Amino acid sequence: MTSTNEDRLTLMKRLDESFREVRRLILAEWNRVNEHGLGMTHGKMLIVLAEKGPQKASSLAEALFITGGGVTGIADRLIELGYVTRERSEQDRRSVLLQLTNEGQAMVKTMMDLREKVMLKLFRGMSSEDMCKAIELFGVMSRNMECGGQGEA
């Protein structure tokens, strides 16, 4: 391996470690106020229900990129906590919909408030130009990962 390739690999490792550290710090901030031990997918399910209203499990599975069984397990936990209910659809009694309770709506507000606080802390001192460049770079990384190929070092 040439010196240039070694330097590039070292830089990629530093970037990867920095990314992992930021993610760890964000999760630590969430866990500090997460009294019920909810995972990110639990939170995302609550947000989807808040934004789209009552949903079938199949629609949630598609929105969350998880299996129907995964939706069932997450929904069971959210029902146990009083954040979600299962209700029969009035249009089709065979269909069961998951929907937020008042407690679930309050949890979504708490999560969104926390998200805003974390973002304000995370991006403090960054210019709009810095943030636009970061969006561009994350877009490149996302496209690279979606390609499925090995990529070049």
N, C-alpha and C. Protein backbone atom coordinates (compact mmCIF):
# COMPACT_ATOMS: atom_id res chain seq x y z
N MET A 1 0.85 -1.17 0.00
CA MET A 1 0.00 0.00 0.00
C MET A 1 0.90 1.24 0.00
N THR A 2 0.55 2.19 -0.83
CA THR A 2 1.37 3.41 -0.92
C THR A 2 1.06 4.32 0.26
N SER A 3 1.96 5.29 0.44
CA SER A 3 1.78 6.24 1.54
C SER A 3 0.47 7.01 1.41
N THR A 4 0.11 7.38 0.20
CA THR A 4 -1.14 8.12 -0.03
C THR A 4 -2.34 7.27 0.36
N ASN A 5 -2.35 5.99 0.00
CA ASN A 5 -3.45 5.10 0.37
C ASN A 5 -3.49 4.89 1.88
N GLU A 6 -2.33 4.77 2.51
CA GLU A 6 -2.27 4.62 3.97
C GLU A 6 -2.81 5.86 4.66
N ASP A 7 -2.44 7.02 4.15
CA ASP A 7 -2.94 8.28 4.71
C ASP A 7 -4.46 8.37 4.57
N ARG A 8 -4.97 7.97 3.41
CA ARG A 8 -6.41 8.00 3.16
C ARG A 8 -7.14 7.04 4.10
N LEU A 9 -6.59 5.83 4.27
CA LEU A 9 -7.19 4.85 5.16
C LEU A 9 -7.19 5.35 6.60
N THR A 10 -6.11 5.97 7.02
CA THR A 10 -6.03 6.54 8.37
C THR A 10 -7.09 7.62 8.54
N LEU A 11 -7.26 8.46 7.54
CA LEU A 11 -8.27 9.52 7.59
C LEU A 11 -9.68 8.94 7.64
N MET A 12 -9.93 7.89 6.85
CA MET A 12 -11.25 7.24 6.87
C MET A 12 -11.54 6.64 8.25
N LYS A 13 -10.54 6.03 8.84
CA LYS A 13 -10.72 5.46 10.19
C LYS A 13 -11.03 6.55 11.20
N ARG A 14 -10.36 7.69 11.11
CA ARG A 14 -10.63 8.80 12.03
C ARG A 14 -12.04 9.32 11.84
N LEU A 15 -12.45 9.44 10.59
CA LEU A 15 -13.81 9.90 10.30
C LEU A 15 -14.83 8.92 10.84
N ASP A 16 -14.61 7.63 10.64
CA ASP A 16 -15.51 6.60 11.15
C ASP A 16 -15.58 6.66 12.68
N GLU A 17 -14.46 6.80 13.33
CA GLU A 17 -14.45 6.89 14.80
C GLU A 17 -15.17 8.15 15.27
N SER A 18 -14.99 9.25 14.57
CA SER A 18 -15.68 10.49 14.94
C SER A 18 -17.18 10.34 14.80
N PHE A 19 -17.62 9.71 13.70
CA PHE A 19 -19.04 9.48 13.47
C PHE A 19 -19.63 8.62 14.59
N ARG A 20 -18.92 7.54 14.94
CA ARG A 20 -19.39 6.64 16.00
C ARG A 20 -19.45 7.36 17.34
N GLU A 21 -18.51 8.24 17.62
CA GLU A 21 -18.50 8.98 18.89
C GLU A 21 -19.69 9.93 18.97
N VAL A 22 -19.98 10.63 17.87
CA VAL A 22 -21.14 11.54 17.86
C VAL A 22 -22.43 10.74 18.06
N ARG A 23 -22.54 9.61 17.38
CA ARG A 23 -23.73 8.76 17.54
C ARG A 23 -23.86 8.28 18.98
N ARG A 24 -22.76 7.88 19.58
CA ARG A 24 -22.77 7.42 20.97
C ARG A 24 -23.24 8.54 21.90
N LEU A 25 -22.76 9.76 21.68
CA LEU A 25 -23.15 10.89 22.52
C LEU A 25 -24.63 11.24 22.35
N ILE A 26 -25.13 11.15 21.13
CA ILE A 26 -26.55 11.42 20.89
C ILE A 26 -27.40 10.37 21.61
N LEU A 27 -27.02 9.10 21.50
CA LEU A 27 -27.77 8.03 22.18
C LEU A 27 -27.69 8.19 23.70
N ALA A 28 -26.55 8.62 24.21
CA ALA A 28 -26.41 8.83 25.65
C ALA A 28 -27.35 9.94 26.12
N GLU A 29 -27.49 10.98 25.32
CA GLU A 29 -28.40 12.09 25.65
C GLU A 29 -29.84 11.57 25.69
N TRP A 30 -30.22 10.75 24.70
CA TRP A 30 -31.56 10.17 24.66
C TRP A 30 -31.77 9.27 25.88
N ASN A 31 -30.80 8.43 26.17
CA ASN A 31 -30.95 7.47 27.27
C ASN A 31 -31.01 8.15 28.63
N ARG A 32 -30.46 9.34 28.73
CA ARG A 32 -30.50 10.08 29.99
C ARG A 32 -31.93 10.42 30.41
N VAL A 33 -32.81 10.63 29.44
CA VAL A 33 -34.21 10.98 29.74
C VAL A 33 -35.19 9.87 29.37
N ASN A 34 -34.68 8.76 28.89
CA ASN A 34 -35.50 7.66 28.39
C ASN A 34 -35.86 6.73 29.55
N GLU A 35 -36.91 7.09 30.27
CA GLU A 35 -37.25 6.35 31.49
C GLU A 35 -37.76 4.94 31.24
N HIS A 36 -38.26 4.65 30.05
CA HIS A 36 -38.82 3.33 29.77
C HIS A 36 -37.91 2.45 28.92
N GLY A 37 -36.71 2.92 28.61
CA GLY A 37 -35.79 2.12 27.81
C GLY A 37 -36.24 1.89 26.38
N LEU A 38 -36.95 2.86 25.82
CA LEU A 38 -37.43 2.72 24.45
C LEU A 38 -36.27 2.88 23.46
N GLY A 39 -36.28 2.04 22.43
CA GLY A 39 -35.28 2.13 21.38
C GLY A 39 -35.69 3.15 20.33
N MET A 40 -34.79 3.39 19.41
CA MET A 40 -35.05 4.37 18.35
C MET A 40 -36.26 3.95 17.49
N THR A 41 -36.44 2.66 17.27
CA THR A 41 -37.57 2.22 16.44
C THR A 41 -38.89 2.42 17.17
N HIS A 42 -38.89 2.27 18.49
CA HIS A 42 -40.10 2.58 19.27
C HIS A 42 -40.48 4.04 19.04
N GLY A 43 -39.48 4.90 19.18
CA GLY A 43 -39.73 6.33 19.00
C GLY A 43 -40.19 6.66 17.59
N LYS A 44 -39.55 6.04 16.60
CA LYS A 44 -39.93 6.30 15.21
C LYS A 44 -41.37 5.84 14.95
N MET A 45 -41.78 4.71 15.56
CA MET A 45 -43.15 4.25 15.37
C MET A 45 -44.14 5.28 15.94
N LEU A 46 -43.83 5.80 17.11
CA LEU A 46 -44.71 6.82 17.70
C LEU A 46 -44.80 8.05 16.79
N ILE A 47 -43.67 8.45 16.24
CA ILE A 47 -43.65 9.63 15.36
C ILE A 47 -44.45 9.37 14.08
N VAL A 48 -44.31 8.19 13.49
CA VAL A 48 -45.08 7.85 12.28
C VAL A 48 -46.57 7.90 12.60
N LEU A 49 -46.98 7.34 13.73
CA LEU A 49 -48.40 7.37 14.11
C LEU A 49 -48.88 8.80 14.35
N ALA A 50 -48.02 9.63 14.93
CA ALA A 50 -48.40 11.03 15.17
C ALA A 50 -48.56 11.79 13.85
N GLU A 51 -47.68 11.50 12.90
CA GLU A 51 -47.71 12.23 11.62
C GLU A 51 -48.77 11.72 10.65
N LYS A 52 -49.01 10.39 10.66
CA LYS A 52 -49.90 9.80 9.65
C LYS A 52 -51.23 9.31 10.20
N GLY A 53 -51.39 9.32 11.52
CA GLY A 53 -52.62 8.82 12.11
C GLY A 53 -52.59 7.31 12.22
N PRO A 54 -53.74 6.70 12.56
CA PRO A 54 -53.81 5.25 12.74
C PRO A 54 -53.29 4.50 11.51
N GLN A 55 -52.53 3.43 11.76
CA GLN A 55 -51.88 2.67 10.68
C GLN A 55 -52.04 1.18 10.90
N LYS A 56 -52.08 0.44 9.78
CA LYS A 56 -52.01 -1.01 9.82
C LYS A 56 -50.56 -1.39 10.13
N ALA A 57 -50.37 -2.56 10.71
CA ALA A 57 -49.02 -3.05 11.02
C ALA A 57 -48.18 -3.13 9.75
N SER A 58 -48.78 -3.54 8.64
CA SER A 58 -48.03 -3.67 7.39
C SER A 58 -47.50 -2.32 6.91
N SER A 59 -48.29 -1.27 7.08
CA SER A 59 -47.84 0.07 6.69
C SER A 59 -46.70 0.54 7.58
N LEU A 60 -46.81 0.23 8.87
CA LEU A 60 -45.73 0.60 9.79
C LEU A 60 -44.45 -0.17 9.48
N ALA A 61 -44.59 -1.44 9.16
CA ALA A 61 -43.42 -2.25 8.82
C ALA A 61 -42.68 -1.63 7.63
N GLU A 62 -43.43 -1.21 6.64
CA GLU A 62 -42.84 -0.59 5.45
C GLU A 62 -42.18 0.74 5.81
N ALA A 63 -42.84 1.56 6.60
CA ALA A 63 -42.30 2.87 6.96
C ALA A 63 -41.05 2.76 7.84
N LEU A 64 -40.99 1.71 8.66
CA LEU A 64 -39.88 1.55 9.61
C LEU A 64 -38.80 0.60 9.10
N PHE A 65 -39.02 0.01 7.93
CA PHE A 65 -38.07 -0.95 7.34
C PHE A 65 -37.81 -2.13 8.27
N ILE A 66 -38.90 -2.66 8.83
CA ILE A 66 -38.81 -3.84 9.71
C ILE A 66 -39.89 -4.84 9.29
N THR A 67 -39.85 -6.03 9.87
CA THR A 67 -40.83 -7.06 9.55
C THR A 67 -42.14 -6.82 10.30
N GLY A 68 -43.18 -7.50 9.86
CA GLY A 68 -44.46 -7.44 10.58
C GLY A 68 -44.31 -7.92 12.01
N GLY A 69 -43.51 -8.97 12.20
CA GLY A 69 -43.24 -9.47 13.55
C GLY A 69 -42.54 -8.44 14.41
N GLY A 70 -41.65 -7.68 13.79
CA GLY A 70 -40.97 -6.60 14.51
C GLY A 70 -41.95 -5.53 14.96
N VAL A 71 -42.90 -5.20 14.09
CA VAL A 71 -43.93 -4.22 14.44
C VAL A 71 -44.74 -4.73 15.62
N THR A 72 -45.10 -6.01 15.61
CA THR A 72 -45.89 -6.59 16.70
C THR A 72 -45.17 -6.45 18.03
N GLY A 73 -43.90 -6.81 18.06
CA GLY A 73 -43.13 -6.72 19.31
C GLY A 73 -43.01 -5.30 19.83
N ILE A 74 -42.74 -4.37 18.93
CA ILE A 74 -42.61 -2.96 19.33
C ILE A 74 -43.96 -2.42 19.77
N ALA A 75 -45.02 -2.75 19.00
CA ALA A 75 -46.36 -2.28 19.35
C ALA A 75 -46.79 -2.84 20.71
N ASP A 76 -46.49 -4.11 20.98
CA ASP A 76 -46.85 -4.70 22.27
C ASP A 76 -46.24 -3.90 23.42
N ARG A 77 -44.99 -3.51 23.29
CA ARG A 77 -44.31 -2.73 24.34
C ARG A 77 -44.96 -1.34 24.48
N LEU A 78 -45.27 -0.71 23.36
CA LEU A 78 -45.89 0.62 23.40
C LEU A 78 -47.31 0.56 23.96
N ILE A 79 -48.02 -0.53 23.69
CA ILE A 79 -49.36 -0.74 24.27
C ILE A 79 -49.24 -0.94 25.77
N GLU A 80 -48.28 -1.74 26.18
CA GLU A 80 -48.03 -1.99 27.61
C GLU A 80 -47.77 -0.68 28.36
N LEU A 81 -47.09 0.26 27.71
CA LEU A 81 -46.78 1.55 28.34
C LEU A 81 -47.93 2.55 28.24
N GLY A 82 -48.97 2.19 27.48
CA GLY A 82 -50.14 3.08 27.34
C GLY A 82 -49.97 4.13 26.26
N TYR A 83 -49.00 3.97 25.35
CA TYR A 83 -48.75 4.95 24.30
C TYR A 83 -49.53 4.68 23.02
N VAL A 84 -49.95 3.42 22.83
CA VAL A 84 -50.59 2.99 21.59
C VAL A 84 -51.73 2.04 21.94
N THR A 85 -52.75 2.02 21.09
CA THR A 85 -53.82 1.03 21.21
C THR A 85 -54.00 0.33 19.87
N ARG A 86 -54.60 -0.86 19.93
CA ARG A 86 -55.02 -1.58 18.72
C ARG A 86 -56.53 -1.43 18.63
N GLU A 87 -57.00 -0.98 17.49
CA GLU A 87 -58.44 -0.77 17.29
C GLU A 87 -58.85 -1.35 15.94
N ARG A 88 -60.05 -1.88 15.88
CA ARG A 88 -60.60 -2.36 14.60
C ARG A 88 -60.96 -1.14 13.75
N SER A 89 -60.67 -1.26 12.47
CA SER A 89 -61.01 -0.19 11.53
C SER A 89 -62.53 -0.11 11.39
N GLU A 90 -63.05 1.10 11.35
CA GLU A 90 -64.50 1.27 11.16
C GLU A 90 -64.90 0.96 9.72
N GLN A 91 -63.96 1.13 8.78
CA GLN A 91 -64.25 0.85 7.37
C GLN A 91 -64.19 -0.65 7.07
N ASP A 92 -63.28 -1.35 7.74
CA ASP A 92 -63.10 -2.79 7.49
C ASP A 92 -62.84 -3.45 8.84
N ARG A 93 -63.84 -4.09 9.40
CA ARG A 93 -63.74 -4.67 10.74
C ARG A 93 -62.69 -5.76 10.84
N ARG A 94 -62.25 -6.31 9.71
CA ARG A 94 -61.18 -7.32 9.73
C ARG A 94 -59.81 -6.70 9.95
N SER A 95 -59.72 -5.42 9.69
CA SER A 95 -58.44 -4.71 9.76
C SER A 95 -58.22 -4.10 11.14
N VAL A 96 -57.01 -4.29 11.66
CA VAL A 96 -56.65 -3.72 12.96
C VAL A 96 -55.68 -2.57 12.74
N LEU A 97 -55.97 -1.45 13.40
CA LEU A 97 -55.12 -0.27 13.28
C LEU A 97 -54.44 0.02 14.61
N LEU A 98 -53.20 0.48 14.53
CA LEU A 98 -52.49 0.97 15.70
C LEU A 98 -52.65 2.48 15.72
N GLN A 99 -52.95 3.01 16.91
CA GLN A 99 -53.09 4.46 17.00
C GLN A 99 -52.57 4.96 18.33
N LEU A 100 -52.16 6.23 18.32
CA LEU A 100 -51.62 6.86 19.53
C LEU A 100 -52.70 7.15 20.55
N THR A 101 -52.34 7.03 21.81
CA THR A 101 -53.20 7.49 22.90
C THR A 101 -52.76 8.92 23.24
N ASN A 102 -53.45 9.54 24.17
CA ASN A 102 -53.04 10.86 24.65
C ASN A 102 -51.64 10.80 25.26
N GLU A 103 -51.36 9.70 25.97
CA GLU A 103 -50.03 9.52 26.56
C GLU A 103 -48.97 9.38 25.47
N GLY A 104 -49.34 8.70 24.38
CA GLY A 104 -48.42 8.56 23.25
C GLY A 104 -48.14 9.90 22.59
N GLN A 105 -49.17 10.72 22.46
CA GLN A 105 -48.98 12.06 21.89
C GLN A 105 -48.06 12.90 22.78
N ALA A 106 -48.24 12.77 24.09
CA ALA A 106 -47.37 13.51 25.03
C ALA A 106 -45.92 13.02 24.90
N MET A 107 -45.73 11.72 24.71
CA MET A 107 -44.38 11.18 24.54
C MET A 107 -43.75 11.69 23.26
N VAL A 108 -44.52 11.77 22.19
CA VAL A 108 -43.99 12.31 20.93
C VAL A 108 -43.54 13.74 21.14
N LYS A 109 -44.32 14.53 21.85
CA LYS A 109 -43.92 15.93 22.11
C LYS A 109 -42.63 15.96 22.92
N THR A 110 -42.52 15.11 23.92
CA THR A 110 -41.29 15.04 24.73
C THR A 110 -40.10 14.68 23.84
N MET A 111 -40.29 13.69 22.96
CA MET A 111 -39.20 13.27 22.08
C MET A 111 -38.81 14.39 21.12
N MET A 112 -39.78 15.09 20.57
CA MET A 112 -39.48 16.16 19.63
C MET A 112 -38.79 17.33 20.33
N ASP A 113 -39.19 17.63 21.55
CA ASP A 113 -38.52 18.67 22.33
C ASP A 113 -37.07 18.28 22.60
N LEU A 114 -36.86 17.02 22.96
CA LEU A 114 -35.49 16.54 23.21
C LEU A 114 -34.68 16.59 21.92
N ARG A 115 -35.28 16.19 20.83
CA ARG A 115 -34.57 16.22 19.54
C ARG A 115 -34.10 17.64 19.23
N GLU A 116 -34.97 18.62 19.46
CA GLU A 116 -34.60 20.01 19.19
C GLU A 116 -33.44 20.43 20.08
N LYS A 117 -33.49 20.07 21.37
CA LYS A 117 -32.40 20.42 22.28
C LYS A 117 -31.09 19.78 21.85
N VAL A 118 -31.15 18.51 21.45
CA VAL A 118 -29.95 17.80 21.00
C VAL A 118 -29.40 18.46 19.74
N MET A 119 -30.28 18.81 18.80
CA MET A 119 -29.81 19.46 17.57
C MET A 119 -29.16 20.80 17.86
N LEU A 120 -29.77 21.59 18.75
CA LEU A 120 -29.19 22.89 19.08
C LEU A 120 -27.80 22.72 19.69
N LYS A 121 -27.66 21.71 20.53
CA LYS A 121 -26.37 21.43 21.16
C LYS A 121 -25.37 20.89 20.13
N LEU A 122 -25.82 19.95 19.32
CA LEU A 122 -24.97 19.27 18.35
C LEU A 122 -24.41 20.24 17.30
N PHE A 123 -25.24 21.15 16.82
CA PHE A 123 -24.84 22.03 15.72
C PHE A 123 -24.41 23.43 16.18
N ARG A 124 -24.25 23.59 17.49
CA ARG A 124 -23.79 24.88 18.03
C ARG A 124 -22.44 25.24 17.40
N GLY A 125 -22.32 26.48 16.97
CA GLY A 125 -21.05 26.94 16.39
C GLY A 125 -20.86 26.59 14.93
N MET A 126 -21.82 25.89 14.34
CA MET A 126 -21.71 25.55 12.91
C MET A 126 -22.49 26.57 12.09
N SER A 127 -21.86 27.01 11.02
CA SER A 127 -22.54 27.96 10.12
C SER A 127 -23.54 27.19 9.25
N SER A 128 -24.41 27.93 8.61
CA SER A 128 -25.34 27.31 7.66
C SER A 128 -24.58 26.62 6.54
N GLU A 129 -23.47 27.22 6.12
CA GLU A 129 -22.64 26.62 5.08
C GLU A 129 -22.06 25.29 5.56
N ASP A 130 -21.59 25.24 6.82
CA ASP A 130 -21.08 23.98 7.39
C ASP A 130 -22.14 22.90 7.36
N MET A 131 -23.36 23.27 7.77
CA MET A 131 -24.44 22.29 7.81
C MET A 131 -24.82 21.83 6.41
N CYS A 132 -24.84 22.74 5.44
CA CYS A 132 -25.14 22.36 4.05
C CYS A 132 -24.07 21.40 3.52
N LYS A 133 -22.82 21.66 3.83
CA LYS A 133 -21.73 20.77 3.40
C LYS A 133 -21.88 19.40 4.06
N ALA A 134 -22.26 19.37 5.34
CA ALA A 134 -22.45 18.10 6.04
C ALA A 134 -23.59 17.31 5.39
N ILE A 135 -24.68 17.98 5.03
CA ILE A 135 -25.79 17.31 4.36
C ILE A 135 -25.31 16.71 3.04
N GLU A 136 -24.52 17.47 2.32
CA GLU A 136 -23.97 16.99 1.05
C GLU A 136 -23.10 15.75 1.27
N LEU A 137 -22.22 15.80 2.26
CA LEU A 137 -21.32 14.68 2.55
C LEU A 137 -22.08 13.44 3.01
N PHE A 138 -23.08 13.62 3.88
CA PHE A 138 -23.88 12.48 4.31
C PHE A 138 -24.66 11.89 3.14
N GLY A 139 -25.09 12.72 2.22
CA GLY A 139 -25.76 12.22 1.01
C GLY A 139 -24.83 11.35 0.19
N VAL A 140 -23.58 11.78 0.03
CA VAL A 140 -22.60 10.98 -0.71
C VAL A 140 -22.38 9.64 0.00
N MET A 141 -22.23 9.68 1.31
CA MET A 141 -22.01 8.44 2.06
C MET A 141 -23.21 7.51 1.95
N SER A 142 -24.43 8.06 2.03
CA SER A 142 -25.63 7.24 1.90
C SER A 142 -25.69 6.58 0.53
N ARG A 143 -25.42 7.36 -0.52
CA ARG A 143 -25.45 6.79 -1.87
C ARG A 143 -24.38 5.72 -2.03
N ASN A 144 -23.20 5.95 -1.46
CA ASN A 144 -22.14 4.94 -1.51
C ASN A 144 -22.57 3.62 -0.87
N MET A 145 -23.25 3.70 0.25
CA MET A 145 -23.68 2.50 0.96
C MET A 145 -24.83 1.81 0.24
N GLU A 146 -25.69 2.57 -0.43
CA GLU A 146 -26.83 2.01 -1.14
C GLU A 146 -26.40 1.28 -2.41
N CYS A 147 -25.24 1.60 -2.95
CA CYS A 147 -24.77 0.98 -4.19
C CYS A 147 -24.53 -0.52 -4.02
N GLY A 148 -24.15 -0.94 -2.83
CA GLY A 148 -23.95 -2.36 -2.59
C GLY A 148 -22.59 -2.87 -3.02
N GLY A 149 -21.82 -2.08 -3.72
CA GLY A 149 -20.49 -2.50 -4.15
C GLY A 149 -19.47 -2.27 -3.06
N GLN A 150 -18.27 -2.75 -3.29
CA GLN A 150 -17.19 -2.63 -2.31
C GLN A 150 -16.65 -1.20 -2.25
N GLY A 151 -16.65 -0.51 -3.33
CA GLY A 151 -16.09 0.84 -3.36
C GLY A 151 -14.58 0.77 -3.40
N GLU A 152 -13.97 1.92 -3.58
CA GLU A 152 -12.52 1.96 -3.66
C GLU A 152 -11.94 2.51 -2.37
N ALA A 153 -10.76 2.10 -2.06
CA ALA A 153 -10.11 2.55 -0.83
C ALA A 153 -9.39 3.83 -1.05
